[in-house]
Amino acid sequence: MRVLDKEYNTPILRKYNLVKLNADGVFMTRSLAENYPYSQLYKAASRGAKTEWLAIVDMAEFGKFNPATALKQLVVMLFNRSETFKQDSELTLKVVKSIAGKLENLDQATKFIRQFVDSSTYAARLFEIAMHSLFQVLEDNGGFEEGFLKKLSQMRSANKKHGNIGDIEITSGKRDSLHIIESWDAKYGKAYLRDEMEELHEKLQEHPETKLAGFVVDANPNLKPEIKKRVEELEQNHNVRIEIVEFDDWVSRQAKRASISSKQIANLWLIAFAESLCQFRRDRAPIDEPADSWVRELRTFAEKW
């Protein structure tokens, strides 16, 4: 199923913007990989319309509808949904641009994004997107003299398996190379990073070229003595700088890398964040999970703001 989905179903759905899927297909999730049939008794924990999906499978197997007709109907519904998403995106972007133009400083943009992330569904992924959006602005304004901002990674990609170090990376040589000179890992809702230190140790063994490996947390980082000691050990062993930084502090420090004012960065960051969620920046931020709810939530949040 994984091969068929990856080679046929997913490419067509992505080509016509019917569903934004992981490029490797829906069967990448382990919840669909249990060793028993897809029936009403399928017990794996799955998010979304699990009941409806299993009902459709049952009806298809027992000949209760014509599969070709059902597929055509589904495609029509997806086209309609795609058009609705475009309309929602345009409305959301209009509201966000209005707010972005009124921002007086970078702190206001940080507060807006932080509060939106905290109030939204799947906040950890939004946290990554927010960080990557800021780096998009920095790259456009001379922030990275040595390298290139790598595309936003897929939600379900395993960093170690794919040769990555973190969620946001600066590479040298070419944009999508694995020669990583700077990396930042987004850690939403997790301030104590002892296990992450050991994972980083393994990753750095494969990337001796890395100069900076950082972690960004959404609260005050838990820098217990054992964490500080392990950081010092890793820095010496791998000749790398390691940082664990709170989000607000990280934003203000990174903004200094650009050749424009912090007020301009605030404006452009908010727009880049919204455009990424609205799928207008897929060349840099290919978000392959459904963004419908995020776009609607962002517009509602912006209107109240």
Protein backbone atom coordinates (compact mmCIF):
# COMPACT_ATOMS: atom_id res chain seq x y z
CA MET A 1 0.00 0.00 0.00
CA ARG A 2 2.82 2.40 0.83
CA VAL A 3 4.48 1.94 -2.58
CA LEU A 4 1.20 2.26 -4.51
CA ASP A 5 0.23 5.36 -2.56
CA LYS A 6 3.63 7.01 -2.94
CA GLU A 7 3.96 6.27 -6.66
CA TYR A 8 0.40 6.95 -7.83
CA ASN A 9 -2.16 8.42 -5.43
CA THR A 10 -0.11 11.04 -3.62
CA PRO A 11 1.63 12.56 -6.71
CA ILE A 12 -1.73 13.13 -8.44
CA LEU A 13 -3.38 14.64 -5.36
CA ARG A 14 -0.40 16.97 -4.83
CA LYS A 15 -0.16 17.89 -8.51
CA TYR A 16 -3.69 19.27 -8.61
CA ASN A 17 -3.61 20.74 -5.08
CA LEU A 18 -6.46 18.49 -3.99
CA VAL A 19 -4.83 17.36 -0.74
CA LYS A 20 -1.53 18.48 0.78
CA LEU A 21 0.06 15.19 1.77
CA ASN A 22 3.41 14.04 3.02
CA ALA A 23 5.39 13.44 -0.20
CA ASP A 24 5.83 9.80 0.80
CA GLY A 25 2.07 9.30 1.17
CA VAL A 26 -0.41 8.77 3.99
CA PHE A 27 0.90 5.30 4.82
CA MET A 28 3.99 6.81 6.41
CA THR A 29 2.01 7.04 9.65
CA ARG A 30 2.40 4.00 11.89
CA SER A 31 -1.28 4.04 12.80
CA LEU A 32 -2.02 2.51 9.36
CA ALA A 33 0.71 -0.11 9.59
CA GLU A 34 -0.93 -2.55 12.02
CA ASN A 35 -0.89 -6.18 10.97
CA TYR A 36 -4.65 -6.73 10.64
CA PRO A 37 -7.39 -5.76 8.15
CA TYR A 38 -8.98 -2.33 7.81
CA SER A 39 -12.34 -3.22 9.31
CA GLN A 40 -14.75 -1.68 11.81
CA LEU A 41 -12.68 -3.43 14.49
CA TYR A 42 -9.42 -1.78 13.45
CA LYS A 43 -8.06 -0.76 16.83
CA ALA A 44 -5.07 1.47 16.02
CA ALA A 45 -5.40 5.00 17.36
CA SER A 46 -5.91 7.30 14.35
CA ARG A 47 -6.67 10.99 14.17
CA GLY A 48 -9.35 12.37 11.91
CA ALA A 49 -12.35 10.68 10.30
CA LYS A 50 -11.43 7.12 11.24
CA THR A 51 -15.04 5.96 11.56
CA GLU A 52 -16.02 7.39 8.17
CA TRP A 53 -12.94 5.93 6.49
CA LEU A 54 -13.62 2.42 7.79
CA ALA A 55 -17.28 2.72 6.76
CA ILE A 56 -16.22 3.53 3.18
CA VAL A 57 -13.82 0.57 3.15
CA ASP A 58 -16.62 -1.72 4.30
CA MET A 59 -19.06 -0.44 1.70
CA ALA A 60 -16.49 -0.90 -1.07
CA GLU A 61 -15.67 -4.45 0.01
CA PHE A 62 -19.34 -5.48 0.26
CA GLY A 63 -20.32 -3.87 -3.05
CA LYS A 64 -22.66 -1.29 -1.55
CA PHE A 65 -21.59 1.42 -4.03
CA ASN A 66 -19.84 1.76 -7.37
CA PRO A 67 -16.14 2.53 -6.62
CA ALA A 68 -15.65 4.58 -9.83
CA THR A 69 -18.68 6.76 -9.11
CA ALA A 70 -17.62 7.20 -5.50
CA LEU A 71 -14.11 8.22 -6.58
CA LYS A 72 -15.48 10.83 -8.99
CA GLN A 73 -17.68 12.25 -6.24
CA LEU A 74 -14.71 12.40 -3.87
CA VAL A 75 -12.59 14.25 -6.45
CA VAL A 76 -15.37 16.80 -6.99
CA MET A 77 -15.58 17.37 -3.24
CA LEU A 78 -11.80 17.84 -3.06
CA PHE A 79 -11.87 20.40 -5.87
CA ASN A 80 -14.57 22.34 -4.01
CA ARG A 81 -12.57 22.16 -0.80
CA SER A 82 -9.46 23.39 -2.60
CA GLU A 83 -11.33 26.44 -3.88
CA THR A 84 -12.66 27.13 -0.39
CA PHE A 85 -9.13 26.98 1.00
CA LYS A 86 -7.92 29.50 -1.59
CA GLN A 87 -10.71 31.91 -0.64
CA ASP A 88 -10.02 31.46 3.09
CA SER A 89 -6.30 32.04 2.48
CA GLU A 90 -6.87 35.28 0.59
CA LEU A 91 -9.16 36.63 3.32
CA THR A 92 -6.73 35.63 6.07
CA LEU A 93 -3.74 37.15 4.32
CA LYS A 94 -5.61 40.43 3.83
CA VAL A 95 -6.33 40.70 7.56
CA VAL A 96 -2.78 39.72 8.58
CA LYS A 97 -1.19 42.21 6.17
CA SER A 98 -3.32 44.95 7.68
CA ILE A 99 -2.03 44.10 11.15
CA ALA A 100 1.56 43.70 9.96
CA GLY A 101 1.53 47.25 8.60
CA LYS A 102 0.60 48.60 12.01
CA LEU A 103 3.30 46.84 14.03
CA GLU A 104 5.62 49.25 15.79
CA ASN A 105 8.37 46.85 16.82
CA LEU A 106 9.56 43.25 16.77
CA ASP A 107 8.20 42.53 20.26
CA GLN A 108 4.65 43.04 18.98
CA ALA A 109 5.17 40.54 16.16
CA THR A 110 6.69 38.03 18.59
CA LYS A 111 3.77 38.44 20.96
CA PHE A 112 1.25 37.99 18.14
CA ILE A 113 2.86 34.81 16.86
CA ARG A 114 3.50 33.35 20.29
CA GLN A 115 -0.10 33.87 21.44
CA PHE A 116 -1.46 32.46 18.18
CA VAL A 117 0.72 29.37 18.44
CA ASP A 118 -0.28 28.82 22.06
CA SER A 119 -3.99 29.04 21.21
CA SER A 120 -3.93 26.82 18.10
CA THR A 121 -4.11 23.13 17.31
CA TYR A 122 -0.82 21.26 16.77
CA ALA A 123 1.11 24.13 18.31
CA ALA A 124 4.46 22.32 18.10
CA ARG A 125 4.34 22.29 14.30
CA LEU A 126 3.27 25.95 14.18
CA PHE A 127 6.25 26.74 16.40
CA GLU A 128 8.57 25.26 13.74
CA ILE A 129 6.81 27.17 10.95
CA ALA A 130 7.09 30.44 12.88
CA MET A 131 10.84 29.96 13.32
CA HIS A 132 11.36 29.02 9.69
CA SER A 133 9.31 32.04 8.57
CA LEU A 134 11.62 34.37 10.47
CA PHE A 135 14.65 32.79 8.81
CA GLN A 136 13.00 33.29 5.40
CA VAL A 137 12.94 37.02 6.13
CA LEU A 138 16.55 36.99 7.33
CA GLU A 139 17.73 35.17 4.21
CA ASP A 140 15.95 37.69 1.97
CA ASN A 141 17.73 40.52 3.76
CA GLY A 142 21.34 39.40 3.93
CA GLY A 143 21.19 37.46 7.18
CA PHE A 144 23.14 34.41 6.03
CA GLU A 145 26.42 35.27 4.37
CA GLU A 146 27.78 31.74 4.44
CA GLY A 147 24.88 29.55 3.38
CA PHE A 148 21.30 28.88 2.39
CA LEU A 149 18.10 28.28 4.34
CA LYS A 150 16.96 24.73 3.79
CA LYS A 151 13.31 24.07 2.95
CA LEU A 152 10.97 23.41 5.87
CA SER A 153 11.07 19.70 6.60
CA GLN A 154 8.00 17.50 6.48
CA MET A 155 6.09 16.99 9.68
CA ARG A 156 6.65 13.23 9.78
CA SER A 157 10.28 13.10 8.70
CA ALA A 158 12.69 11.61 11.18
CA ASN A 159 15.63 14.00 11.48
CA LYS A 160 18.24 11.33 12.12
CA LYS A 161 16.99 9.03 9.35
CA HIS A 162 17.01 11.85 6.79
CA GLY A 163 20.44 13.14 7.77
CA ASN A 164 19.17 16.30 9.43
CA ILE A 165 20.14 17.80 12.75
CA GLY A 166 17.22 20.12 13.48
CA ASP A 167 14.03 21.66 12.12
CA ILE A 168 15.62 24.81 10.71
CA GLU A 169 19.00 24.49 9.02
CA ILE A 170 21.52 26.61 7.14
CA THR A 171 23.54 24.63 4.60
CA SER A 172 26.62 25.47 2.59
CA GLY A 173 27.41 24.58 -1.00
CA LYS A 174 23.80 24.46 -2.17
CA ARG A 175 20.36 24.96 -0.65
CA ASP A 176 19.34 21.31 -0.16
CA SER A 177 22.72 19.83 0.69
CA LEU A 178 23.36 17.93 3.89
CA HIS A 179 26.44 20.03 4.66
CA ILE A 180 24.82 21.70 7.67
CA ILE A 181 26.66 24.62 9.21
CA GLU A 182 23.88 25.86 11.50
CA SER A 183 20.86 24.09 12.97
CA TRP A 184 17.98 25.00 15.26
CA ASP A 185 15.56 22.49 16.74
CA ALA A 186 12.12 23.72 17.83
CA LYS A 187 11.08 22.29 21.22
CA TYR A 188 7.58 23.42 22.06
CA GLY A 189 6.35 22.38 25.49
CA LYS A 190 9.67 20.85 26.48
CA ALA A 191 12.25 22.78 28.48
CA TYR A 192 14.37 19.88 29.82
CA LEU A 193 16.49 18.49 26.98
CA ARG A 194 18.64 15.73 28.47
CA ASP A 195 17.57 13.12 25.90
CA GLU A 196 17.99 15.64 23.10
CA MET A 197 21.62 16.11 24.10
CA GLU A 198 22.32 12.42 23.43
CA GLU A 199 20.47 12.53 20.12
CA LEU A 200 22.50 15.58 19.15
CA HIS A 201 25.71 13.73 20.00
CA GLU A 202 24.80 10.98 17.49
CA LYS A 203 23.83 13.49 14.80
CA LEU A 204 27.00 15.54 15.17
CA GLN A 205 29.08 12.43 14.59
CA GLU A 206 27.70 12.49 11.05
CA HIS A 207 28.11 16.27 10.67
CA PRO A 208 31.59 17.40 11.76
CA GLU A 209 31.12 20.53 9.60
CA THR A 210 28.43 21.96 11.90
CA LYS A 211 29.41 25.17 13.67
CA LEU A 212 26.24 25.86 15.65
CA ALA A 213 23.53 23.52 16.92
CA GLY A 214 20.78 25.17 18.92
CA PHE A 215 17.48 24.43 20.59
CA VAL A 216 14.62 26.92 20.92
CA VAL A 217 12.07 26.39 23.69
CA ASP A 218 8.84 28.26 24.36
CA ALA A 219 9.53 28.70 28.09
CA ASN A 220 12.58 29.31 30.25
CA PRO A 221 15.04 26.50 29.43
CA ASN A 222 15.75 24.05 32.23
CA LEU A 223 19.52 24.39 32.49
CA LYS A 224 20.29 22.02 35.33
CA PRO A 225 23.98 21.31 36.10
CA GLU A 226 23.88 18.01 34.18
CA ILE A 227 22.61 19.81 31.09
CA LYS A 228 25.33 22.47 31.26
CA LYS A 229 27.97 19.81 31.80
CA ARG A 230 26.77 17.76 28.84
CA VAL A 231 26.67 20.84 26.61
CA GLU A 232 30.30 21.62 27.50
CA GLU A 233 31.32 18.03 26.74
CA LEU A 234 29.61 18.02 23.36
CA GLU A 235 31.09 21.39 22.43
CA GLN A 236 34.59 20.11 23.17
CA ASN A 237 34.13 16.71 21.52
CA HIS A 238 32.56 18.06 18.32
CA ASN A 239 34.12 21.54 18.10
CA VAL A 240 30.66 23.09 17.88
CA ARG A 241 28.70 25.80 19.69
CA ILE A 242 25.50 24.60 21.37
CA GLU A 243 22.78 26.95 22.55
CA ILE A 244 19.48 26.44 24.38
CA VAL A 245 17.43 29.62 24.02
CA GLU A 246 13.97 30.85 24.95
CA PHE A 247 11.86 31.85 21.91
CA ASP A 248 11.57 35.60 22.56
CA ASP A 249 15.29 35.92 23.22
CA TRP A 250 16.08 33.84 20.12
CA VAL A 251 13.94 36.10 17.91
CA SER A 252 15.56 39.33 19.09
CA ARG A 253 19.06 37.89 18.69
CA GLN A 254 18.44 36.50 15.21
CA ALA A 255 16.88 39.74 13.99
CA LYS A 256 20.24 41.49 14.41
CA ARG A 257 21.61 39.42 11.53
CA ALA A 258 19.48 41.18 8.90
CA SER A 259 20.33 44.41 7.10
CA ILE A 260 16.92 46.01 7.82
CA SER A 261 15.29 47.50 10.91
CA SER A 262 13.53 45.37 13.52
CA LYS A 263 10.26 47.08 12.61
CA GLN A 264 10.63 45.97 9.00
CA ILE A 265 11.47 42.45 10.15
CA ALA A 266 8.32 42.41 12.29
CA ASN A 267 6.19 43.34 9.29
CA LEU A 268 7.80 40.86 6.91
CA TRP A 269 7.88 38.04 9.47
CA LEU A 270 4.14 38.21 10.11
CA ILE A 271 3.45 38.17 6.37
CA ALA A 272 5.90 35.30 5.77
CA PHE A 273 4.26 33.28 8.55
CA ALA A 274 0.77 33.83 7.13
CA GLU A 275 1.85 33.15 3.54
CA SER A 276 3.52 29.92 4.63
CA LEU A 277 0.34 28.69 6.30
CA CYS A 278 -1.73 29.80 3.30
CA GLN A 279 0.47 27.69 1.00
CA PHE A 280 1.83 30.69 -0.92
CA ARG A 281 5.46 29.78 -0.15
CA ARG A 282 5.60 26.11 -1.01
CA ASP A 283 8.99 26.55 -2.66
CA ARG A 284 10.43 27.27 0.79
CA ALA A 285 7.78 26.02 3.20
CA PRO A 286 6.09 22.94 1.68
CA ILE A 287 3.53 22.31 4.41
CA ASP A 288 2.04 18.93 3.54
CA GLU A 289 -0.41 18.52 6.39
CA PRO A 290 -3.95 20.02 6.12
CA ALA A 291 -3.68 23.74 6.92
CA ASP A 292 -7.39 24.59 6.67
CA SER A 293 -7.97 24.91 10.40
CA TRP A 294 -4.74 26.90 10.90
CA VAL A 295 -5.76 29.43 8.24
CA ARG A 296 -9.23 29.89 9.74
CA GLU A 297 -7.81 30.12 13.26
CA LEU A 298 -5.27 32.71 12.13
CA ARG A 299 -7.95 34.92 10.57
CA THR A 300 -10.15 34.70 13.67
CA PHE A 301 -7.17 35.46 15.92
CA ALA A 302 -6.04 38.38 13.73
CA GLU A 303 -9.52 39.91 13.62
CA LYS A 304 -9.72 39.87 17.42
CA TRP A 305 -6.19 41.24 17.71
